Amino acid sequence: MLAGAPQGLWVPLVRLLKTRRRSRAESQVVSFLARVRHEDLDVLKELAEDGKLIPVIDRECSLAEVPDAVRHLGTRQARGKVVIRVD
């Protein structure tokens, strides 16, 4: 999900997703963007505050470790989000 993205980001992002979908058509991978609504974010906020929504974090990396984090994601072995710490 992409929330709060600047408007200028949507065109290149859509192009990227279309290219990705075409290049992986034989493996039946489908990419999509969710339409984020304020009401949905309120529900997610409430779930997180109540402790009912727990993120799954595979690993945390520093900004200097971003290349390694991207390589890890490329292996498709990540079992959750990879968080980048910006100190």
N, C-alpha and C. Protein backbone atom coordinates (compact mmCIF):
# COMPACT_ATOMS: atom_id res chain seq x y z
N MET A 1 0.84 -1.15 0.00
CA MET A 1 0.00 0.00 0.00
C MET A 1 0.89 1.22 0.00
N LEU A 2 0.49 2.25 -0.69
CA LEU A 2 1.22 3.49 -0.77
C LEU A 2 0.31 4.59 -0.27
N ALA A 3 0.62 5.13 0.87
CA ALA A 3 -0.22 6.17 1.46
C ALA A 3 0.55 7.48 1.51
N GLY A 4 -0.11 8.55 1.12
CA GLY A 4 0.49 9.86 1.20
C GLY A 4 1.53 10.14 0.13
N ALA A 5 1.48 9.44 -0.97
CA ALA A 5 2.46 9.66 -2.03
C ALA A 5 2.16 10.95 -2.77
N PRO A 6 3.21 11.68 -3.15
CA PRO A 6 2.98 12.90 -3.92
C PRO A 6 2.35 12.58 -5.27
N GLN A 7 1.58 13.50 -5.79
CA GLN A 7 0.86 13.25 -7.03
C GLN A 7 1.79 12.93 -8.19
N GLY A 8 2.96 13.54 -8.24
CA GLY A 8 3.88 13.30 -9.34
C GLY A 8 4.44 11.89 -9.36
N LEU A 9 4.24 11.14 -8.31
CA LEU A 9 4.77 9.78 -8.23
C LEU A 9 3.88 8.75 -8.92
N TRP A 10 2.62 9.05 -9.09
CA TRP A 10 1.68 8.05 -9.59
C TRP A 10 1.97 7.59 -11.02
N VAL A 11 2.31 8.51 -11.92
CA VAL A 11 2.54 8.12 -13.33
C VAL A 11 3.70 7.14 -13.45
N PRO A 12 4.90 7.45 -12.88
CA PRO A 12 5.98 6.46 -13.00
C PRO A 12 5.68 5.16 -12.26
N LEU A 13 4.94 5.25 -11.16
CA LEU A 13 4.60 4.04 -10.42
C LEU A 13 3.69 3.14 -11.24
N VAL A 14 2.70 3.70 -11.88
CA VAL A 14 1.79 2.90 -12.72
C VAL A 14 2.57 2.27 -13.87
N ARG A 15 3.47 3.02 -14.48
CA ARG A 15 4.29 2.45 -15.57
C ARG A 15 5.12 1.28 -15.06
N LEU A 16 5.71 1.45 -13.88
CA LEU A 16 6.52 0.38 -13.30
C LEU A 16 5.68 -0.87 -13.05
N LEU A 17 4.50 -0.69 -12.52
CA LEU A 17 3.63 -1.84 -12.24
C LEU A 17 3.18 -2.53 -13.52
N LYS A 18 2.89 -1.75 -14.56
CA LYS A 18 2.49 -2.37 -15.83
C LYS A 18 3.64 -3.17 -16.42
N THR A 19 4.86 -2.63 -16.34
CA THR A 19 6.03 -3.35 -16.85
C THR A 19 6.25 -4.62 -16.06
N ARG A 20 6.12 -4.53 -14.74
CA ARG A 20 6.31 -5.70 -13.88
C ARG A 20 5.28 -6.77 -14.21
N ARG A 21 4.03 -6.35 -14.42
CA ARG A 21 2.98 -7.32 -14.72
C ARG A 21 3.25 -8.01 -16.05
N ARG A 22 3.70 -7.24 -17.05
CA ARG A 22 3.99 -7.83 -18.36
C ARG A 22 5.16 -8.80 -18.26
N SER A 23 6.21 -8.42 -17.51
CA SER A 23 7.41 -9.26 -17.46
C SER A 23 7.18 -10.55 -16.69
N ARG A 24 6.16 -10.58 -15.83
CA ARG A 24 5.90 -11.78 -15.03
C ARG A 24 4.59 -12.46 -15.40
N ALA A 25 4.08 -12.15 -16.55
CA ALA A 25 2.78 -12.70 -16.94
C ALA A 25 2.76 -14.22 -16.90
N GLU A 26 3.87 -14.84 -17.26
CA GLU A 26 3.89 -16.30 -17.28
C GLU A 26 3.82 -16.90 -15.88
N SER A 27 4.17 -16.15 -14.83
CA SER A 27 4.10 -16.69 -13.49
C SER A 27 2.83 -16.27 -12.75
N GLN A 28 1.93 -15.59 -13.43
CA GLN A 28 0.62 -15.20 -12.89
C GLN A 28 0.72 -14.25 -11.69
N VAL A 29 1.76 -13.42 -11.66
CA VAL A 29 1.88 -12.42 -10.60
C VAL A 29 1.09 -11.19 -11.01
N VAL A 30 0.25 -10.72 -10.11
CA VAL A 30 -0.57 -9.54 -10.41
C VAL A 30 -0.28 -8.47 -9.36
N SER A 31 0.05 -7.29 -9.82
CA SER A 31 0.30 -6.16 -8.92
C SER A 31 -0.94 -5.28 -8.91
N PHE A 32 -1.16 -4.61 -7.81
CA PHE A 32 -2.30 -3.69 -7.74
C PHE A 32 -2.01 -2.59 -6.75
N LEU A 33 -2.73 -1.52 -6.87
CA LEU A 33 -2.68 -0.42 -5.92
C LEU A 33 -4.03 -0.32 -5.24
N ALA A 34 -4.00 -0.15 -3.95
CA ALA A 34 -5.26 0.00 -3.21
C ALA A 34 -5.63 1.48 -3.15
N ARG A 35 -6.88 1.76 -3.27
CA ARG A 35 -7.35 3.13 -3.06
C ARG A 35 -7.50 3.32 -1.56
N VAL A 36 -6.74 4.23 -1.03
CA VAL A 36 -6.72 4.46 0.41
C VAL A 36 -7.76 5.51 0.75
N ARG A 37 -8.66 5.14 1.65
CA ARG A 37 -9.69 6.08 2.10
C ARG A 37 -9.44 6.43 3.56
N HIS A 38 -9.78 7.65 3.93
CA HIS A 38 -9.56 8.13 5.29
C HIS A 38 -10.25 7.22 6.30
N GLU A 39 -11.45 6.77 6.00
CA GLU A 39 -12.20 5.91 6.92
C GLU A 39 -11.46 4.59 7.17
N ASP A 40 -10.86 4.05 6.12
CA ASP A 40 -10.11 2.80 6.26
C ASP A 40 -8.88 3.00 7.15
N LEU A 41 -8.22 4.13 6.98
CA LEU A 41 -7.05 4.41 7.81
C LEU A 41 -7.45 4.60 9.27
N ASP A 42 -8.62 5.17 9.51
CA ASP A 42 -9.11 5.30 10.89
C ASP A 42 -9.32 3.93 11.53
N VAL A 43 -9.89 3.00 10.77
CA VAL A 43 -10.11 1.64 11.29
C VAL A 43 -8.77 0.98 11.59
N LEU A 44 -7.80 1.11 10.68
CA LEU A 44 -6.48 0.53 10.92
C LEU A 44 -5.83 1.16 12.14
N LYS A 45 -5.98 2.46 12.32
CA LYS A 45 -5.42 3.16 13.48
C LYS A 45 -6.01 2.59 14.77
N GLU A 46 -7.32 2.41 14.78
CA GLU A 46 -7.98 1.87 15.98
C GLU A 46 -7.51 0.44 16.27
N LEU A 47 -7.39 -0.38 15.24
CA LEU A 47 -6.90 -1.74 15.44
C LEU A 47 -5.48 -1.75 16.00
N ALA A 48 -4.62 -0.86 15.47
CA ALA A 48 -3.24 -0.78 15.96
C ALA A 48 -3.21 -0.30 17.41
N GLU A 49 -4.01 0.70 17.73
CA GLU A 49 -4.04 1.21 19.10
C GLU A 49 -4.56 0.17 20.09
N ASP A 50 -5.47 -0.69 19.63
CA ASP A 50 -6.02 -1.75 20.49
C ASP A 50 -5.12 -2.98 20.56
N GLY A 51 -4.00 -2.96 19.82
CA GLY A 51 -3.08 -4.09 19.83
C GLY A 51 -3.55 -5.26 18.99
N LYS A 52 -4.54 -5.03 18.13
CA LYS A 52 -5.08 -6.11 17.29
C LYS A 52 -4.42 -6.17 15.92
N LEU A 53 -3.64 -5.17 15.59
CA LEU A 53 -2.93 -5.13 14.32
C LEU A 53 -1.44 -5.07 14.63
N ILE A 54 -0.77 -6.16 14.35
CA ILE A 54 0.65 -6.26 14.68
C ILE A 54 1.44 -6.45 13.39
N PRO A 55 2.33 -5.51 13.08
CA PRO A 55 3.12 -5.66 11.85
C PRO A 55 4.11 -6.81 11.97
N VAL A 56 4.34 -7.49 10.88
CA VAL A 56 5.33 -8.55 10.83
C VAL A 56 6.59 -7.94 10.22
N ILE A 57 7.64 -7.86 11.02
CA ILE A 57 8.88 -7.26 10.56
C ILE A 57 9.93 -8.34 10.43
N ASP A 58 10.44 -8.50 9.21
CA ASP A 58 11.46 -9.50 8.94
C ASP A 58 12.80 -9.07 9.53
N ARG A 59 13.17 -7.80 9.30
CA ARG A 59 14.42 -7.28 9.84
C ARG A 59 14.43 -5.76 9.78
N GLU A 60 15.30 -5.19 10.59
CA GLU A 60 15.52 -3.75 10.59
C GLU A 60 16.93 -3.49 10.10
N CYS A 61 17.09 -2.46 9.28
CA CYS A 61 18.39 -2.13 8.73
C CYS A 61 18.64 -0.64 8.88
N SER A 62 19.90 -0.27 8.94
CA SER A 62 20.25 1.14 8.94
C SER A 62 20.22 1.65 7.50
N LEU A 63 20.28 2.94 7.34
CA LEU A 63 20.27 3.52 6.00
C LEU A 63 21.47 3.02 5.19
N ALA A 64 22.59 2.80 5.85
CA ALA A 64 23.78 2.31 5.16
C ALA A 64 23.60 0.87 4.65
N GLU A 65 22.67 0.14 5.23
CA GLU A 65 22.46 -1.27 4.85
C GLU A 65 21.36 -1.45 3.80
N VAL A 66 20.90 -0.36 3.21
CA VAL A 66 19.81 -0.44 2.22
C VAL A 66 20.14 -1.38 1.06
N PRO A 67 21.35 -1.31 0.48
CA PRO A 67 21.64 -2.25 -0.63
C PRO A 67 21.46 -3.72 -0.22
N ASP A 68 21.91 -4.07 0.98
CA ASP A 68 21.72 -5.45 1.45
C ASP A 68 20.24 -5.77 1.66
N ALA A 69 19.49 -4.79 2.17
CA ALA A 69 18.05 -4.99 2.39
C ALA A 69 17.33 -5.22 1.07
N VAL A 70 17.70 -4.46 0.04
CA VAL A 70 17.06 -4.62 -1.28
C VAL A 70 17.41 -5.99 -1.85
N ARG A 71 18.66 -6.40 -1.70
CA ARG A 71 19.04 -7.74 -2.18
C ARG A 71 18.25 -8.82 -1.45
N HIS A 72 18.06 -8.65 -0.15
CA HIS A 72 17.29 -9.62 0.63
C HIS A 72 15.85 -9.69 0.11
N LEU A 73 15.25 -8.54 -0.16
CA LEU A 73 13.89 -8.55 -0.71
C LEU A 73 13.86 -9.24 -2.06
N GLY A 74 14.90 -9.04 -2.85
CA GLY A 74 14.97 -9.66 -4.18
C GLY A 74 15.02 -11.16 -4.14
N THR A 75 15.45 -11.74 -3.03
CA THR A 75 15.50 -13.20 -2.93
C THR A 75 14.12 -13.79 -2.66
N ARG A 76 13.16 -12.92 -2.32
CA ARG A 76 11.79 -13.34 -1.99
C ARG A 76 11.75 -14.23 -0.75
N GLN A 77 12.73 -14.09 0.11
CA GLN A 77 12.75 -14.87 1.35
C GLN A 77 12.29 -14.06 2.55
N ALA A 78 12.04 -12.78 2.37
CA ALA A 78 11.58 -11.96 3.49
C ALA A 78 10.20 -12.45 3.94
N ARG A 79 10.04 -12.61 5.22
CA ARG A 79 8.77 -13.09 5.78
C ARG A 79 8.01 -11.99 6.48
N GLY A 80 8.25 -10.77 6.06
CA GLY A 80 7.59 -9.60 6.63
C GLY A 80 8.20 -8.36 6.02
N LYS A 81 7.94 -7.24 6.64
CA LYS A 81 8.46 -5.97 6.14
C LYS A 81 9.93 -5.82 6.52
N VAL A 82 10.66 -5.15 5.66
CA VAL A 82 12.04 -4.77 5.96
C VAL A 82 11.99 -3.28 6.29
N VAL A 83 12.38 -2.96 7.52
CA VAL A 83 12.29 -1.59 8.00
C VAL A 83 13.66 -0.93 7.90
N ILE A 84 13.69 0.28 7.35
CA ILE A 84 14.92 1.04 7.24
C ILE A 84 14.89 2.13 8.30
N ARG A 85 15.89 2.11 9.19
CA ARG A 85 15.99 3.13 10.24
C ARG A 85 16.76 4.33 9.68
N VAL A 86 16.20 5.50 9.85
CA VAL A 86 16.88 6.74 9.47
C VAL A 86 17.21 7.46 10.76
N ASP A 87 18.46 7.40 11.17
CA ASP A 87 18.88 8.00 12.45
C ASP A 87 19.05 9.50 12.32
